[in-house]
Amino acid sequence: MAIRIQCGGCKKFINAPEKLAGTSRPCPGCGAAVSIPSLPVAATEAEVLTIEATSKKWKLIQLIGGAGIVVATISLAFDLRTAVGDPTVNFPLGWFTMGLLILSIPVYVIGRVGAWWYHG
Protein backbone atom coordinates (compact mmCIF):
# COMPACT_ATOMS: atom_id res chain seq x y z
CA MET A 1 0.00 0.00 0.00
CA ALA A 2 1.37 3.40 -0.96
CA ILE A 3 1.63 6.50 1.22
CA ARG A 4 0.01 9.53 -0.43
CA ILE A 5 1.83 12.83 0.23
CA GLN A 6 1.83 16.31 -1.30
CA CYS A 7 4.95 18.20 -2.39
CA GLY A 8 5.39 21.52 -0.63
CA GLY A 9 6.96 23.15 -3.70
CA CYS A 10 4.78 22.22 -6.69
CA LYS A 11 1.73 20.92 -4.71
CA LYS A 12 1.77 17.70 -6.73
CA PHE A 13 0.49 14.51 -5.02
CA ILE A 14 2.99 11.66 -4.85
CA ASN A 15 2.43 7.99 -4.02
CA ALA A 16 5.46 6.65 -2.12
CA PRO A 17 5.92 2.96 -1.26
CA GLU A 18 5.71 1.97 2.42
CA LYS A 19 9.35 0.88 2.49
CA LEU A 20 10.35 4.57 2.14
CA ALA A 21 8.37 5.59 5.25
CA GLY A 22 10.36 7.87 7.55
CA THR A 23 12.75 9.04 4.83
CA SER A 24 13.10 12.09 2.58
CA ARG A 25 13.16 11.92 -1.24
CA PRO A 26 13.21 14.48 -4.06
CA CYS A 27 9.90 15.33 -5.75
CA PRO A 28 9.74 13.85 -9.27
CA GLY A 29 8.02 17.03 -10.51
CA CYS A 30 10.15 19.88 -9.12
CA GLY A 31 13.05 18.19 -7.31
CA ALA A 32 12.23 19.70 -3.88
CA ALA A 33 12.86 17.50 -0.84
CA VAL A 34 9.69 15.74 0.31
CA SER A 35 9.66 13.97 3.68
CA ILE A 36 7.65 10.75 3.79
CA PRO A 37 5.98 10.25 7.20
CA SER A 38 6.62 7.05 9.14
CA LEU A 39 3.84 4.52 9.63
CA PRO A 40 2.05 4.43 13.01
CA VAL A 41 2.65 1.40 15.21
CA ALA A 42 -0.64 -0.29 16.16
CA ALA A 43 -1.14 -2.36 19.33
CA THR A 44 -2.08 -5.95 18.79
CA GLU A 45 -5.72 -6.79 19.39
CA ALA A 46 -4.92 -9.90 21.47
CA GLU A 47 -3.23 -7.83 24.21
CA VAL A 48 -6.19 -5.46 24.52
CA LEU A 49 -8.72 -8.29 24.73
CA THR A 50 -6.74 -10.14 27.42
CA ILE A 51 -6.50 -7.08 29.66
CA GLU A 52 -10.18 -6.20 29.18
CA ALA A 53 -11.41 -9.74 29.97
CA THR A 54 -9.25 -10.02 33.08
CA SER A 55 -10.26 -6.59 34.31
CA LYS A 56 -13.98 -7.39 34.05
CA LYS A 57 -13.47 -10.61 36.01
CA TRP A 58 -11.81 -8.84 38.94
CA LYS A 59 -14.34 -6.00 38.89
CA LEU A 60 -17.16 -8.56 39.15
CA ILE A 61 -15.49 -10.20 42.17
CA GLN A 62 -15.13 -6.78 43.83
CA LEU A 63 -18.77 -5.97 43.05
CA ILE A 64 -20.02 -9.22 44.60
CA GLY A 65 -17.93 -8.66 47.74
CA GLY A 66 -18.97 -5.00 48.03
CA ALA A 67 -22.66 -5.83 47.56
CA GLY A 68 -22.40 -8.51 50.25
CA ILE A 69 -20.83 -6.01 52.65
CA VAL A 70 -23.60 -3.46 52.00
CA VAL A 71 -26.42 -6.02 52.39
CA ALA A 72 -24.87 -7.47 55.56
CA THR A 73 -24.35 -4.01 57.09
CA ILE A 74 -27.96 -2.95 56.43
CA SER A 75 -29.29 -6.28 57.73
CA LEU A 76 -27.11 -6.12 60.84
CA ALA A 77 -28.21 -2.55 61.54
CA PHE A 78 -31.86 -3.60 61.22
CA ASP A 79 -31.34 -6.59 63.51
CA LEU A 80 -29.59 -4.49 66.16
CA ARG A 81 -32.23 -1.76 65.97
CA THR A 82 -35.09 -4.19 66.56
CA ALA A 83 -33.27 -5.87 69.46
CA VAL A 84 -32.33 -2.74 71.42
CA GLY A 85 -33.88 -2.69 74.88
CA ASP A 86 -35.62 -6.07 74.60
CA PRO A 87 -33.45 -9.03 75.64
CA THR A 88 -36.12 -11.54 74.57
CA VAL A 89 -35.97 -10.55 70.89
CA ASN A 90 -34.13 -13.14 68.86
CA PHE A 91 -31.99 -12.01 65.92
CA PRO A 92 -33.97 -13.38 62.95
CA LEU A 93 -31.16 -12.89 60.44
CA GLY A 94 -28.25 -12.50 62.84
CA TRP A 95 -26.29 -15.62 61.94
CA PHE A 96 -26.93 -15.20 58.24
CA THR A 97 -25.86 -11.56 58.41
CA MET A 98 -22.68 -12.30 60.31
CA GLY A 99 -21.80 -15.13 57.92
CA LEU A 100 -22.42 -12.91 54.91
CA LEU A 101 -20.27 -10.17 56.38
CA ILE A 102 -17.47 -12.59 57.30
CA LEU A 103 -17.46 -14.00 53.74
CA SER A 104 -17.95 -10.73 51.85
CA ILE A 105 -14.94 -8.90 53.25
CA PRO A 106 -12.39 -11.51 52.05
CA VAL A 107 -14.14 -11.75 48.66
CA TYR A 108 -13.82 -7.98 48.21
CA VAL A 109 -10.18 -8.01 49.35
CA ILE A 110 -9.38 -10.90 46.98
CA GLY A 111 -10.94 -8.93 44.12
CA ARG A 112 -8.84 -5.86 44.92
CA VAL A 113 -5.62 -7.85 45.32
CA GLY A 114 -6.30 -9.84 42.13
CA ALA A 115 -6.90 -6.68 40.11
CA TRP A 116 -3.70 -5.17 41.50
CA TRP A 117 -1.70 -8.36 40.97
CA TYR A 118 -2.65 -8.80 37.31
CA HIS A 119 -2.81 -5.11 36.32
CA GLY A 120 -0.24 -3.43 38.53
C-alpha atoms as a PDB file:
ATOM      1  CA  MET A   1       0.000   0.000   0.000  1.00  0.00           C
ATOM      2  CA  ALA A   2       1.368   3.403  -0.959  1.00  0.00           C
ATOM      3  CA  ILE A   3       1.630   6.503   1.222  1.00  0.00           C
ATOM      4  CA  ARG A   4       0.008   9.532  -0.431  1.00  0.00           C
ATOM      5  CA  ILE A   5       1.826  12.829   0.233  1.00  0.00           C
ATOM      6  CA  GLN A   6       1.835  16.310  -1.304  1.00  0.00           C
ATOM      7  CA  CYS A   7       4.945  18.198  -2.387  1.00  0.00           C
ATOM      8  CA  GLY A   8       5.387  21.522  -0.631  1.00  0.00           C
ATOM      9  CA  GLY A   9       6.955  23.147  -3.696  1.00  0.00           C
ATOM     10  CA  CYS A  10       4.780  22.220  -6.693  1.00  0.00           C
ATOM     11  CA  LYS A  11       1.733  20.920  -4.707  1.00  0.00           C
ATOM     12  CA  LYS A  12       1.774  17.696  -6.729  1.00  0.00           C
ATOM     13  CA  PHE A  13       0.488  14.511  -5.019  1.00  0.00           C
ATOM     14  CA  ILE A  14       2.990  11.662  -4.846  1.00  0.00           C
ATOM     15  CA  ASN A  15       2.431   7.986  -4.016  1.00  0.00           C
ATOM     16  CA  ALA A  16       5.457   6.648  -2.119  1.00  0.00           C
ATOM     17  CA  PRO A  17       5.920   2.960  -1.259  1.00  0.00           C
ATOM     18  CA  GLU A  18       5.712   1.971   2.418  1.00  0.00           C
ATOM     19  CA  LYS A  19       9.349   0.877   2.489  1.00  0.00           C
ATOM     20  CA  LEU A  20      10.353   4.567   2.138  1.00  0.00           C
ATOM     21  CA  ALA A  21       8.372   5.594   5.246  1.00  0.00           C
ATOM     22  CA  GLY A  22      10.361   7.868   7.552  1.00  0.00           C
ATOM     23  CA  THR A  23      12.754   9.045   4.825  1.00  0.00           C
ATOM     24  CA  SER A  24      13.103  12.087   2.584  1.00  0.00           C
ATOM     25  CA  ARG A  25      13.160  11.916  -1.243  1.00  0.00           C
ATOM     26  CA  PRO A  26      13.213  14.477  -4.064  1.00  0.00           C
ATOM     27  CA  CYS A  27       9.896  15.325  -5.745  1.00  0.00           C
ATOM     28  CA  PRO A  28       9.743  13.848  -9.271  1.00  0.00           C
ATOM     29  CA  GLY A  29       8.024  17.032 -10.511  1.00  0.00           C
ATOM     30  CA  CYS A  30      10.151  19.877  -9.119  1.00  0.00           C
ATOM     31  CA  GLY A  31      13.052  18.191  -7.306  1.00  0.00           C
ATOM     32  CA  ALA A  32      12.232  19.701  -3.884  1.00  0.00           C
ATOM     33  CA  ALA A  33      12.863  17.502  -0.840  1.00  0.00           C
ATOM     34  CA  VAL A  34       9.690  15.740   0.313  1.00  0.00           C
ATOM     35  CA  SER A  35       9.662  13.968   3.684  1.00  0.00           C
ATOM     36  CA  ILE A  36       7.647  10.749   3.787  1.00  0.00           C
ATOM     37  CA  PRO A  37       5.977  10.246   7.198  1.00  0.00           C
ATOM     38  CA  SER A  38       6.616   7.047   9.136  1.00  0.00           C
ATOM     39  CA  LEU A  39       3.836   4.524   9.626  1.00  0.00           C
ATOM     40  CA  PRO A  40       2.051   4.432  13.014  1.00  0.00           C
ATOM     41  CA  VAL A  41       2.647   1.399  15.206  1.00  0.00           C
ATOM     42  CA  ALA A  42      -0.636  -0.286  16.163  1.00  0.00           C
ATOM     43  CA  ALA A  43      -1.140  -2.356  19.335  1.00  0.00           C
ATOM     44  CA  THR A  44      -2.080  -5.954  18.793  1.00  0.00           C
ATOM     45  CA  GLU A  45      -5.715  -6.794  19.394  1.00  0.00           C
ATOM     46  CA  ALA A  46      -4.917  -9.895  21.470  1.00  0.00           C
ATOM     47  CA  GLU A  47      -3.225  -7.825  24.210  1.00  0.00           C
ATOM     48  CA  VAL A  48      -6.185  -5.464  24.516  1.00  0.00           C
ATOM     49  CA  LEU A  49      -8.717  -8.293  24.734  1.00  0.00           C
ATOM     50  CA  THR A  50      -6.737 -10.136  27.418  1.00  0.00           C
ATOM     51  CA  ILE A  51      -6.500  -7.076  29.656  1.00  0.00           C
ATOM     52  CA  GLU A  52     -10.176  -6.202  29.184  1.00  0.00           C
ATOM     53  CA  ALA A  53     -11.413  -9.736  29.967  1.00  0.00           C
ATOM     54  CA  THR A  54      -9.253 -10.020  33.081  1.00  0.00           C
ATOM     55  CA  SER A  55     -10.263  -6.594  34.308  1.00  0.00           C
ATOM     56  CA  LYS A  56     -13.983  -7.393  34.051  1.00  0.00           C
ATOM     57  CA  LYS A  57     -13.472 -10.614  36.014  1.00  0.00           C
ATOM     58  CA  TRP A  58     -11.806  -8.839  38.939  1.00  0.00           C
ATOM     59  CA  LYS A  59     -14.339  -5.998  38.888  1.00  0.00           C
ATOM     60  CA  LEU A  60     -17.159  -8.556  39.153  1.00  0.00           C
ATOM     61  CA  ILE A  61     -15.494 -10.199  42.171  1.00  0.00           C
ATOM     62  CA  GLN A  62     -15.129  -6.778  43.832  1.00  0.00           C
ATOM     63  CA  LEU A  63     -18.772  -5.966  43.054  1.00  0.00           C
ATOM     64  CA  ILE A  64     -20.016  -9.216  44.604  1.00  0.00           C
ATOM     65  CA  GLY A  65     -17.928  -8.657  47.742  1.00  0.00           C
ATOM     66  CA  GLY A  66     -18.970  -5.005  48.029  1.00  0.00           C
ATOM     67  CA  ALA A  67     -22.659  -5.829  47.556  1.00  0.00           C
ATOM     68  CA  GLY A  68     -22.397  -8.514  50.247  1.00  0.00           C
ATOM     69  CA  ILE A  69     -20.833  -6.010  52.649  1.00  0.00           C
ATOM     70  CA  VAL A  70     -23.602  -3.462  51.998  1.00  0.00           C
ATOM     71  CA  VAL A  71     -26.416  -6.016  52.394  1.00  0.00           C
ATOM     72  CA  ALA A  72     -24.866  -7.467  55.559  1.00  0.00           C
ATOM     73  CA  THR A  73     -24.349  -4.013  57.086  1.00  0.00           C
ATOM     74  CA  ILE A  74     -27.956  -2.954  56.430  1.00  0.00           C
ATOM     75  CA  SER A  75     -29.294  -6.278  57.731  1.00  0.00           C
ATOM     76  CA  LEU A  76     -27.112  -6.121  60.843  1.00  0.00           C
ATOM     77  CA  ALA A  77     -28.213  -2.547  61.537  1.00  0.00           C
ATOM     78  CA  PHE A  78     -31.861  -3.602  61.216  1.00  0.00           C
ATOM     79  CA  ASP A  79     -31.336  -6.591  63.513  1.00  0.00           C
ATOM     80  CA  LEU A  80     -29.591  -4.495  66.156  1.00  0.00           C
ATOM     81  CA  ARG A  81     -32.229  -1.759  65.970  1.00  0.00           C
ATOM     82  CA  THR A  82     -35.094  -4.190  66.560  1.00  0.00           C
ATOM     83  CA  ALA A  83     -33.275  -5.874  69.465  1.00  0.00           C
ATOM     84  CA  VAL A  84     -32.325  -2.744  71.423  1.00  0.00           C
ATOM     85  CA  GLY A  85     -33.883  -2.694  74.884  1.00  0.00           C
ATOM     86  CA  ASP A  86     -35.624  -6.066  74.598  1.00  0.00           C
ATOM     87  CA  PRO A  87     -33.454  -9.034  75.635  1.00  0.00           C
ATOM     88  CA  THR A  88     -36.121 -11.538  74.570  1.00  0.00           C
ATOM     89  CA  VAL A  89     -35.971 -10.551  70.891  1.00  0.00           C
ATOM     90  CA  ASN A  90     -34.128 -13.140  68.861  1.00  0.00           C
ATOM     91  CA  PHE A  91     -31.991 -12.011  65.919  1.00  0.00           C
ATOM     92  CA  PRO A  92     -33.965 -13.379  62.948  1.00  0.00           C
ATOM     93  CA  LEU A  93     -31.161 -12.893  60.439  1.00  0.00           C
ATOM     94  CA  GLY A  94     -28.253 -12.504  62.841  1.00  0.00           C
ATOM     95  CA  TRP A  95     -26.293 -15.621  61.941  1.00  0.00           C
ATOM     96  CA  PHE A  96     -26.932 -15.200  58.235  1.00  0.00           C
ATOM     97  CA  THR A  97     -25.863 -11.565  58.413  1.00  0.00           C
ATOM     98  CA  MET A  98     -22.681 -12.303  60.308  1.00  0.00           C
ATOM     99  CA  GLY A  99     -21.802 -15.133  57.923  1.00  0.00           C
ATOM    100  CA  LEU A 100     -22.425 -12.911  54.914  1.00  0.00           C
ATOM    101  CA  LEU A 101     -20.270 -10.169  56.382  1.00  0.00           C
ATOM    102  CA  ILE A 102     -17.475 -12.592  57.296  1.00  0.00           C
ATOM    103  CA  LEU A 103     -17.456 -14.004  53.737  1.00  0.00           C
ATOM    104  CA  SER A 104     -17.952 -10.727  51.847  1.00  0.00           C
ATOM    105  CA  ILE A 105     -14.944  -8.898  53.254  1.00  0.00           C
ATOM    106  CA  PRO A 106     -12.388 -11.508  52.053  1.00  0.00           C
ATOM    107  CA  VAL A 107     -14.135 -11.747  48.657  1.00  0.00           C
ATOM    108  CA  TYR A 108     -13.820  -7.982  48.214  1.00  0.00           C
ATOM    109  CA  VAL A 109     -10.182  -8.009  49.354  1.00  0.00           C
ATOM    110  CA  ILE A 110      -9.380 -10.904  46.981  1.00  0.00           C
ATOM    111  CA  GLY A 111     -10.938  -8.927  44.122  1.00  0.00           C
ATOM    112  CA  ARG A 112      -8.837  -5.863  44.925  1.00  0.00           C
ATOM    113  CA  VAL A 113      -5.620  -7.852  45.316  1.00  0.00           C
ATOM    114  CA  GLY A 114      -6.304  -9.843  42.132  1.00  0.00           C
ATOM    115  CA  ALA A 115      -6.898  -6.679  40.108  1.00  0.00           C
ATOM    116  CA  TRP A 116      -3.699  -5.174  41.497  1.00  0.00           C
ATOM    117  CA  TRP A 117      -1.698  -8.358  40.969  1.00  0.00           C
ATOM    118  CA  TYR A 118      -2.652  -8.797  37.311  1.00  0.00           C
ATOM    119  CA  HIS A 119      -2.808  -5.114  36.318  1.00  0.00           C
ATOM    120  CA  GLY A 120      -0.239  -3.430  38.535  1.00  0.00           C
END
